N, C-alpha and C. Protein backbone atom coordinates (compact mmCIF):
# COMPACT_ATOMS: atom_id res chain seq x y z
N MET A 1 0.84 -1.18 0.00
CA MET A 1 0.00 0.00 0.00
C MET A 1 0.89 1.24 0.00
N LYS A 2 0.62 2.16 -0.88
CA LYS A 2 1.37 3.40 -0.98
C LYS A 2 0.86 4.37 0.08
N LYS A 3 1.79 4.97 0.78
CA LYS A 3 1.42 5.94 1.82
C LYS A 3 0.88 7.20 1.14
N PRO A 4 -0.25 7.72 1.60
CA PRO A 4 -0.80 8.92 0.97
C PRO A 4 0.14 10.11 1.16
N SER A 5 0.19 10.94 0.14
CA SER A 5 1.04 12.13 0.22
C SER A 5 0.43 13.12 1.20
N PHE A 6 1.21 14.12 1.52
CA PHE A 6 0.73 15.16 2.43
C PHE A 6 -0.51 15.84 1.84
N LEU A 7 -0.46 16.12 0.54
CA LEU A 7 -1.57 16.78 -0.13
C LEU A 7 -2.83 15.91 -0.10
N GLU A 8 -2.66 14.59 -0.32
CA GLU A 8 -3.80 13.68 -0.28
C GLU A 8 -4.42 13.65 1.11
N ARG A 9 -3.57 13.64 2.14
CA ARG A 9 -4.09 13.63 3.51
C ARG A 9 -4.77 14.95 3.84
N LEU A 10 -4.19 16.04 3.36
CA LEU A 10 -4.73 17.37 3.64
C LEU A 10 -6.09 17.58 2.97
N THR A 11 -6.21 17.11 1.72
CA THR A 11 -7.45 17.33 0.97
C THR A 11 -8.46 16.21 1.15
N GLY A 12 -8.03 15.12 1.81
CA GLY A 12 -8.95 14.01 2.03
C GLY A 12 -9.01 13.05 0.87
N GLY A 13 -8.11 13.15 -0.07
CA GLY A 13 -8.09 12.24 -1.22
C GLY A 13 -7.37 10.96 -0.87
N GLN A 14 -8.08 9.99 -0.26
CA GLN A 14 -7.47 8.73 0.13
C GLN A 14 -7.49 7.75 -1.04
N THR A 15 -6.60 6.78 -0.96
CA THR A 15 -6.57 5.71 -1.95
C THR A 15 -7.65 4.69 -1.60
N ASP A 16 -7.87 3.73 -2.50
CA ASP A 16 -8.88 2.70 -2.28
C ASP A 16 -8.60 1.91 -1.00
N ASP A 17 -7.31 1.63 -0.69
CA ASP A 17 -6.97 0.89 0.53
C ASP A 17 -7.41 1.66 1.76
N MET A 18 -7.20 2.96 1.75
CA MET A 18 -7.59 3.78 2.90
C MET A 18 -9.11 3.77 3.04
N ASP A 19 -9.83 3.83 1.89
CA ASP A 19 -11.29 3.78 1.95
C ASP A 19 -11.76 2.45 2.53
N ARG A 20 -11.08 1.36 2.13
CA ARG A 20 -11.46 0.03 2.60
C ARG A 20 -11.26 -0.08 4.11
N ILE A 21 -10.18 0.48 4.62
CA ILE A 21 -9.90 0.40 6.05
C ILE A 21 -10.94 1.20 6.84
N LEU A 22 -11.33 2.35 6.30
CA LEU A 22 -12.25 3.22 7.01
C LEU A 22 -13.72 2.87 6.78
N ASP A 23 -13.96 1.90 5.90
CA ASP A 23 -15.33 1.49 5.59
C ASP A 23 -15.99 0.90 6.83
N GLU A 24 -17.25 1.24 7.09
CA GLU A 24 -17.96 0.76 8.28
C GLU A 24 -18.12 -0.75 8.29
N ASP A 25 -18.20 -1.37 7.10
CA ASP A 25 -18.41 -2.81 7.02
C ASP A 25 -17.13 -3.61 7.25
N HIS A 26 -16.02 -2.95 7.25
CA HIS A 26 -14.75 -3.67 7.39
C HIS A 26 -14.55 -4.11 8.84
N GLU A 27 -14.20 -5.35 9.03
CA GLU A 27 -13.91 -5.90 10.36
C GLU A 27 -12.39 -6.09 10.46
N PHE A 28 -11.79 -5.48 11.44
CA PHE A 28 -10.36 -5.68 11.63
C PHE A 28 -10.12 -7.10 12.11
N GLY A 29 -9.01 -7.68 11.65
CA GLY A 29 -8.67 -9.05 12.04
C GLY A 29 -9.24 -10.08 11.09
N GLU A 30 -9.94 -9.69 10.02
CA GLU A 30 -10.42 -10.65 9.05
C GLU A 30 -9.23 -11.29 8.37
N GLU A 31 -9.39 -12.52 7.93
CA GLU A 31 -8.28 -13.25 7.33
C GLU A 31 -7.77 -12.58 6.06
N GLU A 32 -8.65 -11.98 5.26
CA GLU A 32 -8.20 -11.35 4.02
C GLU A 32 -7.59 -9.97 4.26
N ASP A 33 -7.49 -9.56 5.51
CA ASP A 33 -6.94 -8.24 5.83
C ASP A 33 -5.42 -8.30 5.74
N GLU A 34 -4.87 -7.89 4.57
CA GLU A 34 -3.42 -7.97 4.39
C GLU A 34 -2.69 -6.89 5.18
N LEU A 35 -3.41 -5.94 5.73
CA LEU A 35 -2.77 -4.89 6.51
C LEU A 35 -2.66 -5.24 7.99
N ALA A 36 -3.26 -6.32 8.41
CA ALA A 36 -3.22 -6.71 9.82
C ALA A 36 -1.82 -7.18 10.19
N VAL A 37 -1.39 -6.88 11.41
CA VAL A 37 -0.10 -7.31 11.91
C VAL A 37 -0.25 -8.69 12.53
N THR A 38 0.53 -9.64 12.05
CA THR A 38 0.46 -11.01 12.57
C THR A 38 1.55 -11.22 13.59
N GLU A 39 1.47 -12.33 14.32
CA GLU A 39 2.51 -12.65 15.30
C GLU A 39 3.84 -12.87 14.61
N ASP A 40 3.83 -13.48 13.41
CA ASP A 40 5.08 -13.71 12.68
C ASP A 40 5.77 -12.38 12.38
N THR A 41 4.98 -11.39 11.96
CA THR A 41 5.53 -10.08 11.66
C THR A 41 6.12 -9.45 12.92
N MET A 42 5.43 -9.58 14.04
CA MET A 42 5.92 -9.02 15.29
C MET A 42 7.21 -9.70 15.72
N GLU A 43 7.31 -11.03 15.56
CA GLU A 43 8.54 -11.74 15.92
C GLU A 43 9.71 -11.29 15.06
N GLU A 44 9.45 -11.11 13.74
CA GLU A 44 10.50 -10.64 12.86
C GLU A 44 10.99 -9.26 13.29
N GLU A 45 10.07 -8.37 13.66
CA GLU A 45 10.46 -7.03 14.09
C GLU A 45 11.24 -7.08 15.39
N GLU A 46 10.85 -7.95 16.32
CA GLU A 46 11.58 -8.08 17.57
C GLU A 46 12.99 -8.59 17.32
N ASP A 47 13.13 -9.60 16.43
CA ASP A 47 14.44 -10.13 16.10
C ASP A 47 15.32 -9.04 15.50
N TRP A 48 14.73 -8.23 14.60
CA TRP A 48 15.48 -7.17 13.96
C TRP A 48 15.94 -6.14 14.98
N SER A 49 15.07 -5.75 15.91
CA SER A 49 15.45 -4.73 16.88
C SER A 49 16.50 -5.26 17.85
N GLN A 50 16.45 -6.54 18.19
CA GLN A 50 17.47 -7.11 19.07
C GLN A 50 18.81 -7.20 18.36
N GLU A 51 18.80 -7.53 17.05
CA GLU A 51 20.05 -7.56 16.29
C GLU A 51 20.65 -6.17 16.24
N ASP A 52 19.82 -5.16 16.06
CA ASP A 52 20.28 -3.79 15.99
C ASP A 52 20.92 -3.36 17.30
N MET A 53 20.35 -3.78 18.42
CA MET A 53 20.85 -3.40 19.74
C MET A 53 22.16 -4.12 20.07
N SER A 54 22.37 -5.31 19.56
CA SER A 54 23.55 -6.10 19.91
C SER A 54 24.58 -6.05 18.80
N SER A 55 24.91 -4.86 18.32
CA SER A 55 25.90 -4.73 17.26
C SER A 55 27.29 -4.99 17.81
N ASP A 56 28.19 -5.34 16.93
CA ASP A 56 29.55 -5.70 17.34
C ASP A 56 30.45 -4.48 17.45
N GLU A 57 29.88 -3.29 17.44
CA GLU A 57 30.67 -2.07 17.51
C GLU A 57 31.21 -1.80 18.90
N GLY A 58 30.79 -2.51 19.89
CA GLY A 58 31.23 -2.29 21.25
C GLY A 58 30.33 -1.29 21.96
N PRO A 59 30.69 -0.90 23.18
CA PRO A 59 29.84 0.02 23.93
C PRO A 59 29.79 1.39 23.26
N GLN A 60 28.63 1.98 23.32
CA GLN A 60 28.41 3.27 22.70
C GLN A 60 28.85 4.38 23.63
N GLU A 61 29.47 5.42 23.07
CA GLU A 61 29.91 6.56 23.86
C GLU A 61 28.73 7.46 24.15
N GLY A 62 28.57 7.88 25.40
CA GLY A 62 27.47 8.74 25.78
C GLY A 62 27.79 10.20 25.50
N GLU A 63 26.73 11.00 25.40
CA GLU A 63 26.91 12.44 25.21
C GLU A 63 26.66 13.13 26.53
N LEU A 64 27.63 13.89 26.98
CA LEU A 64 27.56 14.58 28.26
C LEU A 64 26.59 15.75 28.18
N PRO A 65 25.55 15.79 29.02
CA PRO A 65 24.65 16.96 29.01
C PRO A 65 25.34 18.14 29.68
N VAL A 66 25.14 19.32 29.11
CA VAL A 66 25.81 20.52 29.62
C VAL A 66 24.86 21.70 29.65
N ASP A 67 25.22 22.71 30.44
CA ASP A 67 24.62 24.04 30.40
C ASP A 67 25.73 24.97 29.93
N MET A 68 25.41 25.88 29.01
CA MET A 68 26.40 26.86 28.57
C MET A 68 25.71 28.21 28.53
N TYR A 69 26.33 29.20 29.17
CA TYR A 69 25.77 30.55 29.17
C TYR A 69 26.92 31.55 29.13
N GLN A 70 26.57 32.81 28.94
CA GLN A 70 27.60 33.84 28.89
C GLN A 70 27.30 34.96 29.86
N THR A 71 28.37 35.58 30.32
CA THR A 71 28.28 36.82 31.07
C THR A 71 28.91 37.89 30.18
N ASP A 72 29.09 39.08 30.70
CA ASP A 72 29.71 40.13 29.90
C ASP A 72 31.15 39.78 29.52
N ASP A 73 31.86 39.06 30.41
CA ASP A 73 33.29 38.82 30.22
C ASP A 73 33.67 37.41 29.82
N GLU A 74 32.77 36.44 30.04
CA GLU A 74 33.18 35.05 29.82
C GLU A 74 32.02 34.16 29.39
N ILE A 75 32.40 32.98 28.88
CA ILE A 75 31.44 31.93 28.57
C ILE A 75 31.65 30.86 29.63
N VAL A 76 30.55 30.37 30.22
CA VAL A 76 30.63 29.39 31.29
C VAL A 76 29.94 28.10 30.82
N ILE A 77 30.62 26.98 31.04
CA ILE A 77 30.06 25.67 30.71
C ILE A 77 30.01 24.87 32.00
N ARG A 78 28.85 24.26 32.27
CA ARG A 78 28.68 23.42 33.45
C ARG A 78 28.21 22.04 33.02
N ALA A 79 28.75 21.01 33.69
CA ALA A 79 28.36 19.63 33.39
C ALA A 79 28.47 18.80 34.66
N LEU A 80 27.54 17.86 34.82
CA LEU A 80 27.60 16.94 35.96
C LEU A 80 28.52 15.78 35.61
N VAL A 81 29.59 15.64 36.38
CA VAL A 81 30.57 14.59 36.14
C VAL A 81 30.79 13.76 37.40
N ALA A 82 29.72 13.58 38.18
CA ALA A 82 29.83 12.81 39.43
C ALA A 82 30.34 11.41 39.12
N GLY A 83 31.23 10.94 39.96
CA GLY A 83 31.79 9.60 39.77
C GLY A 83 33.02 9.57 38.88
N VAL A 84 33.46 10.73 38.41
CA VAL A 84 34.64 10.81 37.55
C VAL A 84 35.68 11.66 38.28
N SER A 85 36.88 11.13 38.40
CA SER A 85 37.96 11.87 39.04
C SER A 85 38.36 13.04 38.14
N PRO A 86 38.59 14.22 38.73
CA PRO A 86 39.01 15.37 37.92
C PRO A 86 40.26 15.08 37.07
N ALA A 87 41.15 14.23 37.58
CA ALA A 87 42.35 13.88 36.82
C ALA A 87 42.03 13.06 35.58
N GLU A 88 40.87 12.40 35.58
CA GLU A 88 40.46 11.55 34.45
C GLU A 88 39.69 12.33 33.38
N LEU A 89 39.37 13.60 33.62
CA LEU A 89 38.67 14.41 32.64
C LEU A 89 39.66 15.02 31.66
N GLU A 90 39.32 14.99 30.39
CA GLU A 90 40.16 15.58 29.35
C GLU A 90 39.38 16.72 28.71
N ILE A 91 39.90 17.93 28.81
CA ILE A 91 39.23 19.11 28.26
C ILE A 91 40.16 19.74 27.23
N SER A 92 39.69 19.80 25.99
CA SER A 92 40.45 20.40 24.90
C SER A 92 39.75 21.69 24.49
N ILE A 93 40.53 22.76 24.38
CA ILE A 93 39.95 24.07 24.05
C ILE A 93 40.68 24.66 22.85
N THR A 94 39.90 25.14 21.88
CA THR A 94 40.43 25.99 20.82
C THR A 94 39.74 27.34 20.99
N ARG A 95 40.02 28.27 20.12
CA ARG A 95 39.42 29.60 20.28
C ARG A 95 37.90 29.59 20.09
N ASP A 96 37.38 28.57 19.39
CA ASP A 96 35.94 28.56 19.12
C ASP A 96 35.25 27.23 19.43
N MET A 97 35.95 26.31 20.14
CA MET A 97 35.36 25.01 20.41
C MET A 97 35.94 24.40 21.69
N VAL A 98 35.10 23.65 22.42
CA VAL A 98 35.52 22.95 23.63
C VAL A 98 35.07 21.49 23.52
N THR A 99 35.96 20.56 23.87
CA THR A 99 35.61 19.14 23.91
C THR A 99 35.92 18.62 25.31
N ILE A 100 34.94 17.95 25.91
CA ILE A 100 35.09 17.35 27.24
C ILE A 100 34.95 15.85 27.07
N ARG A 101 35.92 15.08 27.58
CA ARG A 101 35.88 13.61 27.51
C ARG A 101 36.17 13.02 28.88
N GLY A 102 35.60 11.85 29.13
CA GLY A 102 35.86 11.16 30.37
C GLY A 102 35.26 9.77 30.36
N VAL A 103 35.49 9.04 31.45
CA VAL A 103 34.94 7.69 31.61
C VAL A 103 34.41 7.57 33.02
N ARG A 104 33.18 7.12 33.12
CA ARG A 104 32.57 6.87 34.43
C ARG A 104 32.57 5.36 34.61
N GLU A 105 33.43 4.89 35.52
CA GLU A 105 33.58 3.45 35.76
C GLU A 105 32.46 2.94 36.65
N GLU A 106 31.91 1.79 36.29
CA GLU A 106 30.82 1.20 37.07
C GLU A 106 31.40 0.24 38.11
N TYR A 107 30.95 0.39 39.32
CA TYR A 107 31.29 -0.53 40.39
C TYR A 107 30.05 -1.37 40.66
N GLN A 108 29.98 -2.52 40.02
CA GLN A 108 28.78 -3.34 40.08
C GLN A 108 28.84 -4.25 41.30
N GLU A 109 27.86 -4.05 42.19
CA GLU A 109 27.80 -4.84 43.42
C GLU A 109 26.76 -5.94 43.35
N ALA A 110 25.92 -5.93 42.31
CA ALA A 110 24.88 -6.94 42.16
C ALA A 110 24.90 -7.45 40.72
N HIS A 111 24.37 -8.65 40.52
CA HIS A 111 24.28 -9.21 39.19
C HIS A 111 23.20 -8.48 38.40
N ASP A 112 23.32 -8.51 37.07
CA ASP A 112 22.38 -7.79 36.21
C ASP A 112 20.93 -8.14 36.49
N ASP A 113 20.62 -9.42 36.74
CA ASP A 113 19.23 -9.82 36.94
C ASP A 113 18.70 -9.45 38.32
N ASN A 114 19.53 -8.87 39.20
CA ASN A 114 19.07 -8.44 40.52
C ASN A 114 18.71 -6.95 40.56
N TYR A 115 18.87 -6.26 39.43
CA TYR A 115 18.54 -4.83 39.37
C TYR A 115 17.05 -4.65 39.11
N PHE A 116 16.45 -3.67 39.76
CA PHE A 116 15.07 -3.28 39.48
C PHE A 116 15.05 -2.14 38.47
N HIS A 117 15.99 -1.20 38.60
CA HIS A 117 16.12 -0.06 37.68
C HIS A 117 17.58 0.10 37.33
N ARG A 118 17.86 0.43 36.06
CA ARG A 118 19.21 0.76 35.62
C ARG A 118 19.11 1.99 34.74
N GLU A 119 19.28 3.16 35.35
CA GLU A 119 19.12 4.41 34.63
C GLU A 119 20.41 5.24 34.56
N LEU A 120 21.39 4.93 35.37
CA LEU A 120 22.63 5.70 35.38
C LEU A 120 23.48 5.32 34.18
N PHE A 121 24.22 6.30 33.64
CA PHE A 121 25.09 6.04 32.50
C PHE A 121 26.49 5.70 32.99
N TRP A 122 27.02 4.60 32.49
CA TRP A 122 28.37 4.16 32.81
C TRP A 122 29.14 4.02 31.50
N GLY A 123 30.42 4.32 31.54
CA GLY A 123 31.25 4.17 30.35
C GLY A 123 31.80 5.52 29.91
N SER A 124 32.32 5.53 28.69
CA SER A 124 32.96 6.75 28.19
C SER A 124 31.90 7.74 27.69
N PHE A 125 32.22 9.00 27.80
CA PHE A 125 31.34 10.07 27.34
C PHE A 125 32.17 11.19 26.78
N SER A 126 31.55 11.99 25.95
CA SER A 126 32.23 13.18 25.43
C SER A 126 31.18 14.18 24.98
N ARG A 127 31.63 15.41 24.80
CA ARG A 127 30.77 16.46 24.30
C ARG A 127 31.65 17.52 23.65
N THR A 128 31.32 17.89 22.44
CA THR A 128 32.01 18.97 21.74
C THR A 128 31.03 20.10 21.53
N LEU A 129 31.43 21.29 21.94
CA LEU A 129 30.56 22.47 21.85
C LEU A 129 31.23 23.55 21.01
N LEU A 130 30.47 24.09 20.05
CA LEU A 130 30.94 25.25 19.32
C LEU A 130 30.62 26.48 20.16
N LEU A 131 31.59 27.32 20.35
CA LEU A 131 31.41 28.50 21.18
C LEU A 131 30.84 29.65 20.36
N PRO A 132 29.97 30.46 20.96
CA PRO A 132 29.36 31.58 20.23
C PRO A 132 30.35 32.72 19.96
N GLU A 133 31.45 32.77 20.70
CA GLU A 133 32.48 33.80 20.52
C GLU A 133 33.84 33.18 20.75
N GLU A 134 34.87 33.82 20.24
CA GLU A 134 36.23 33.35 20.47
C GLU A 134 36.63 33.63 21.91
N VAL A 135 37.44 32.70 22.46
CA VAL A 135 37.85 32.83 23.86
C VAL A 135 39.37 32.85 23.97
N ALA A 136 39.85 33.34 25.11
CA ALA A 136 41.28 33.36 25.41
C ALA A 136 41.65 32.01 26.03
N ILE A 137 42.30 31.18 25.27
CA ILE A 137 42.59 29.81 25.70
C ILE A 137 43.46 29.78 26.95
N ASP A 138 44.52 30.58 26.99
CA ASP A 138 45.48 30.54 28.09
C ASP A 138 44.91 31.03 29.42
N GLU A 139 43.84 31.80 29.38
CA GLU A 139 43.24 32.32 30.61
C GLU A 139 42.05 31.50 31.09
N SER A 140 41.73 30.41 30.39
CA SER A 140 40.58 29.57 30.74
C SER A 140 40.85 28.78 32.01
N GLU A 141 39.78 28.50 32.75
CA GLU A 141 39.89 27.75 34.01
C GLU A 141 38.82 26.67 34.07
N ALA A 142 39.15 25.56 34.73
CA ALA A 142 38.17 24.49 34.96
C ALA A 142 38.30 24.04 36.40
N GLN A 143 37.15 23.87 37.07
CA GLN A 143 37.17 23.34 38.42
C GLN A 143 36.00 22.41 38.62
N GLU A 144 36.16 21.43 39.51
CA GLU A 144 35.12 20.47 39.83
C GLU A 144 34.84 20.56 41.32
N LYS A 145 33.55 20.61 41.67
CA LYS A 145 33.17 20.65 43.07
C LYS A 145 31.88 19.86 43.23
N HIS A 146 31.93 18.84 44.06
CA HIS A 146 30.76 17.99 44.35
C HIS A 146 30.14 17.41 43.08
N GLY A 147 30.99 17.03 42.11
CA GLY A 147 30.49 16.42 40.88
C GLY A 147 30.05 17.38 39.80
N LEU A 148 30.17 18.69 40.04
CA LEU A 148 29.81 19.68 39.04
C LEU A 148 31.08 20.29 38.45
N LEU A 149 31.28 20.08 37.14
CA LEU A 149 32.41 20.66 36.43
C LEU A 149 31.99 22.03 35.92
N GLU A 150 32.83 23.04 36.18
CA GLU A 150 32.57 24.38 35.69
C GLU A 150 33.80 24.88 34.94
N ILE A 151 33.59 25.23 33.69
CA ILE A 151 34.68 25.73 32.84
C ILE A 151 34.37 27.20 32.55
N LYS A 152 35.33 28.08 32.85
CA LYS A 152 35.17 29.51 32.59
C LYS A 152 36.14 29.89 31.47
N LEU A 153 35.57 30.43 30.40
CA LEU A 153 36.33 30.78 29.21
C LEU A 153 36.22 32.28 28.97
N PRO A 154 37.26 33.06 29.30
CA PRO A 154 37.20 34.51 29.08
C PRO A 154 37.07 34.84 27.59
N LYS A 155 36.17 35.75 27.28
CA LYS A 155 35.96 36.16 25.89
C LYS A 155 37.13 37.03 25.43
N LEU A 156 37.48 36.91 24.14
CA LEU A 156 38.48 37.81 23.57
C LEU A 156 37.84 39.18 23.40
N ASP A 157 38.55 40.19 23.82
CA ASP A 157 38.05 41.56 23.68
C ASP A 157 38.47 42.08 22.32
N LYS A 158 37.57 42.01 21.37
CA LYS A 158 37.89 42.44 20.00
C LYS A 158 37.95 43.95 19.87
N HIS A 159 37.40 44.67 20.84
CA HIS A 159 37.39 46.13 20.78
C HIS A 159 38.62 46.74 21.47
N ARG A 160 39.40 45.89 22.15
CA ARG A 160 40.60 46.39 22.84
C ARG A 160 41.64 46.79 21.80
N SER A 161 42.23 47.91 22.02
CA SER A 161 43.29 48.36 21.11
C SER A 161 44.46 48.88 21.93
N THR A 162 45.59 48.91 21.30
CA THR A 162 46.79 49.43 21.95
C THR A 162 47.56 50.27 20.94
N GLN A 163 48.39 51.19 21.43
CA GLN A 163 49.19 52.03 20.56
C GLN A 163 50.59 51.43 20.45
N LEU A 164 51.04 51.23 19.23
CA LEU A 164 52.39 50.73 19.00
C LEU A 164 53.31 51.88 18.64
N LYS A 165 54.52 51.85 19.20
CA LYS A 165 55.52 52.85 18.84
C LYS A 165 56.36 52.26 17.73
N VAL A 166 56.66 53.07 16.75
CA VAL A 166 57.43 52.61 15.61
C VAL A 166 58.91 52.83 15.92
N ARG A 167 59.65 51.72 15.80
CA ARG A 167 61.10 51.82 16.00
C ARG A 167 61.78 51.99 14.64
N SER A 168 62.83 52.70 14.68
CA SER A 168 63.57 52.93 13.45
C SER A 168 64.84 52.11 13.48
N ASN A 169 65.17 51.48 12.38
CA ASN A 169 66.41 50.71 12.25
C ASN A 169 67.44 51.51 11.46
N ALA A 170 67.27 52.79 11.30
CA ALA A 170 68.14 53.63 10.47
C ALA A 170 69.50 53.87 11.12
N HIS A 171 69.68 53.74 12.42
CA HIS A 171 70.92 54.06 13.12
C HIS A 171 71.91 52.92 13.10
N LYS A 172 71.68 51.85 12.43
CA LYS A 172 72.61 50.71 12.43
C LYS A 172 73.70 50.87 11.46
C-alpha cells in the first residue's frame, strides 16, 4: 500500500486501501486483511530490533549533558561529572570550540538480573561544543566541586586596542 502524500491527507483524497480500512463494514482481524499485523511479523520485528541493539561495535559513547551561558566577560560551561575523578577528565579548548571527555567506571555490586532499575550512565562520554564567541585559551579555568564541572572561558576583547611605537632601524 502506498502511503498517501501530504496533499492527499490534507485534501482528504485517500486511496482505495484507505477507503477500505475506514469502511464501516470492514472488520479488523479478518483473514483477508493484508494490513493486519500477525505474530510472525511481530517476531521478525523483535528479532530485527534485538540484532540492531547487539551490534559488534562495542559500547556506545554517551553524550555529556551541559549548560552553557555567557556573562559580559566570559562563557561558562557546566556539566555533571559525578563519579569521575578530575584527573580523568580531558578538556580540549580551541578559540571557538571545547571538547570534554571522560569515563565513568561502574562498580557493580549486584548481578544484572538483581537490578530493578538501571538508569545511570556508565562508560565513556564526550561532548564537543561550538562557542558563540572566540575565547582566550590561556586564561581559561576548569574546576570540579561535588560532581559539578565548571569551565570559565574569558571572551576575547575584540574592541581592545593598543598604541604601538614605531622603532627605526636607520641608526645601524
